[in-house]
C-alpha atoms as a PDB file:
ATOM      1  CA  MET A   1      26.134  65.517  -2.421  1.00  0.00           C
ATOM      2  CA  THR A   2      24.234  62.471  -3.909  1.00  0.00           C
ATOM      3  CA  THR A   3      24.242  59.041  -2.149  1.00  0.00           C
ATOM      4  CA  ARG A   4      25.523  55.979  -3.788  1.00  0.00           C
ATOM      5  CA  GLU A   5      21.786  54.395  -3.957  1.00  0.00           C
ATOM      6  CA  GLU A   6      20.422  57.517  -5.529  1.00  0.00           C
ATOM      7  CA  ALA A   7      23.452  57.339  -8.138  1.00  0.00           C
ATOM      8  CA  LYS A   8      22.636  53.681  -8.742  1.00  0.00           C
ATOM      9  CA  THR A   9      19.151  54.522  -9.011  1.00  0.00           C
ATOM     10  CA  SER A  10      19.759  57.260 -11.646  1.00  0.00           C
ATOM     11  CA  ALA A  11      21.895  54.967 -13.436  1.00  0.00           C
ATOM     12  CA  ARG A  12      19.640  52.111 -13.512  1.00  0.00           C
ATOM     13  CA  LYS A  13      16.748  54.319 -14.985  1.00  0.00           C
ATOM     14  CA  VAL A  14      18.736  55.541 -17.926  1.00  0.00           C
ATOM     15  CA  LEU A  15      19.642  51.612 -18.460  1.00  0.00           C
ATOM     16  CA  ALA A  16      15.870  50.628 -18.513  1.00  0.00           C
ATOM     17  CA  LEU A  17      15.367  53.624 -20.968  1.00  0.00           C
ATOM     18  CA  LEU A  18      18.010  52.585 -23.273  1.00  0.00           C
ATOM     19  CA  GLU A  19      16.446  49.312 -23.345  1.00  0.00           C
ATOM     20  CA  GLU A  20      13.564  50.568 -24.490  1.00  0.00           C
ATOM     21  CA  ARG A  21      15.160  52.661 -27.079  1.00  0.00           C
ATOM     22  CA  ALA A  22      17.609  49.356 -28.561  1.00  0.00           C
ATOM     23  CA  ALA A  23      14.669  47.783 -30.172  1.00  0.00           C
ATOM     24  CA  GLU A  24      13.618  50.899 -31.990  1.00  0.00           C
ATOM     25  CA  TYR A  25      17.318  52.131 -32.652  1.00  0.00           C
ATOM     26  CA  PRO A  26      19.709  49.042 -32.755  1.00  0.00           C
ATOM     27  CA  GLY A  27      23.371  49.788 -32.888  1.00  0.00           C
ATOM     28  CA  TYR A  28      22.885  53.363 -32.219  1.00  0.00           C
ATOM     29  CA  GLY A  29      26.361  54.562 -31.304  1.00  0.00           C
ATOM     30  CA  ALA A  30      25.472  57.176 -28.671  1.00  0.00           C
ATOM     31  CA  HIS A  31      23.067  54.275 -26.839  1.00  0.00           C
ATOM     32  CA  SER A  32      25.955  52.074 -26.823  1.00  0.00           C
ATOM     33  CA  HIS A  33      28.636  54.435 -25.477  1.00  0.00           C
ATOM     34  CA  ALA A  34      26.070  55.509 -22.804  1.00  0.00           C
ATOM     35  CA  HIS A  35      25.204  51.617 -21.879  1.00  0.00           C
ATOM     36  CA  ALA A  36      28.833  50.915 -21.567  1.00  0.00           C
ATOM     37  CA  GLN A  37      29.671  53.958 -19.250  1.00  0.00           C
ATOM     38  CA  LEU A  38      26.645  53.143 -17.079  1.00  0.00           C
ATOM     39  CA  LEU A  39      27.495  49.677 -16.531  1.00  0.00           C
ATOM     40  CA  ARG A  40      31.378  50.764 -15.400  1.00  0.00           C
ATOM     41  CA  MET A  41      29.487  53.671 -13.369  1.00  0.00           C
ATOM     42  CA  LEU A  42      27.287  50.847 -11.342  1.00  0.00           C
ATOM     43  CA  VAL A  43      30.521  48.826 -10.740  1.00  0.00           C
ATOM     44  CA  GLU A  44      32.369  51.974  -9.499  1.00  0.00           C
ATOM     45  CA  LEU A  45      29.062  52.635  -7.240  1.00  0.00           C
ATOM     46  CA  GLY A  46      29.310  49.194  -6.016  1.00  0.00           C
ATOM     47  CA  SER A  47      32.715  49.263  -5.025  1.00  0.00           C
ATOM     48  CA  PRO A  48      34.078  49.758  -1.331  1.00  0.00           C
ATOM     49  CA  CYS A  49      36.272  52.567  -2.393  1.00  0.00           C
ATOM     50  CA  LEU A  50      34.645  54.984  -4.736  1.00  0.00           C
ATOM     51  CA  PRO A  51      37.454  57.228  -6.583  1.00  0.00           C
ATOM     52  CA  PRO A  52      37.622  60.494  -5.497  1.00  0.00           C
ATOM     53  CA  ALA A  53      35.494  62.928  -7.978  1.00  0.00           C
ATOM     54  CA  SER A  54      38.287  63.891  -9.915  1.00  0.00           C
ATOM     55  CA  GLY A  55      38.798  59.970 -10.865  1.00  0.00           C
ATOM     56  CA  ARG A  56      35.090  60.019 -12.038  1.00  0.00           C
ATOM     57  CA  GLU A  57      35.790  62.822 -14.743  1.00  0.00           C
ATOM     58  CA  TRP A  58      36.001  60.022 -17.434  1.00  0.00           C
ATOM     59  CA  VAL A  59      32.118  60.102 -17.531  1.00  0.00           C
ATOM     60  CA  ASP A  60      30.737  62.054 -20.594  1.00  0.00           C
ATOM     61  CA  ILE A  61      27.286  60.916 -20.807  1.00  0.00           C
ATOM     62  CA  GLY A  62      26.177  64.320 -20.096  1.00  0.00           C
ATOM     63  CA  LEU A  63      27.655  66.031 -22.491  1.00  0.00           C
ATOM     64  CA  MET A  64      27.163  63.620 -25.145  1.00  0.00           C
ATOM     65  CA  ALA A  65      23.479  63.618 -24.350  1.00  0.00           C
ATOM     66  CA  VAL A  66      23.153  67.440 -25.027  1.00  0.00           C
ATOM     67  CA  LYS A  67      25.338  67.330 -28.023  1.00  0.00           C
ATOM     68  CA  GLU A  68      23.359  63.959 -29.487  1.00  0.00           C
ATOM     69  CA  LEU A  69      20.070  63.449 -27.976  1.00  0.00           C
ATOM     70  CA  GLU A  70      18.526  66.664 -26.475  1.00  0.00           C
ATOM     71  CA  SER A  71      16.673  67.418 -29.373  1.00  0.00           C
ATOM     72  CA  ALA A  72      15.472  64.372 -30.509  1.00  0.00           C
ATOM     73  CA  ASP A  73      15.092  62.284 -27.166  1.00  0.00           C
ATOM     74  CA  PRO A  74      14.786  64.835 -24.399  1.00  0.00           C
ATOM     75  CA  ASP A  75      13.521  62.278 -21.709  1.00  0.00           C
ATOM     76  CA  LEU A  76      16.608  60.333 -22.351  1.00  0.00           C
ATOM     77  CA  ALA A  77      18.744  63.134 -22.517  1.00  0.00           C
ATOM     78  CA  ASN A  78      17.825  64.453 -19.232  1.00  0.00           C
ATOM     79  CA  ALA A  79      18.209  60.991 -17.625  1.00  0.00           C
ATOM     80  CA  LEU A  80      21.484  60.964 -18.853  1.00  0.00           C
ATOM     81  CA  MET A  81      22.323  64.309 -17.542  1.00  0.00           C
ATOM     82  CA  ASP A  82      20.911  63.511 -14.084  1.00  0.00           C
ATOM     83  CA  ALA A  83      23.047  59.966 -14.100  1.00  0.00           C
ATOM     84  CA  ASP A  84      26.086  61.898 -15.355  1.00  0.00           C
ATOM     85  CA  TYR A  85      25.778  64.413 -12.317  1.00  0.00           C
ATOM     86  CA  ASP A  86      24.664  62.031  -9.309  1.00  0.00           C
ATOM     87  CA  PHE A  87      27.927  59.865 -10.279  1.00  0.00           C
ATOM     88  CA  LYS A  88      30.375  62.545 -10.340  1.00  0.00           C
ATOM     89  CA  HIS A  89      28.653  63.837  -6.653  1.00  0.00           C
ATOM     90  CA  ALA A  90      28.105  60.586  -4.985  1.00  0.00           C
ATOM     91  CA  ASP A  91      29.812  60.376  -1.694  1.00  0.00           C
END
């Protein structure tokens, strides 16, 4: 299991990476999609009642990272996959 704080840290790390990439690739759809999901993840992680793991399956940034970013930006792809995993396994 991952703690909520660990999951929040993973999400914030990716948001920081996305900020760096935004200047270079403004409006890139994969980045926008990840940004929106990460913000929602942080809201849910901050809620007193975290949905059960089955209620967190809407997160697809790990899959998107593999399909869209793994070859072009492996650091961002790995960070997205970590954030996806940590959110889905947070207690």
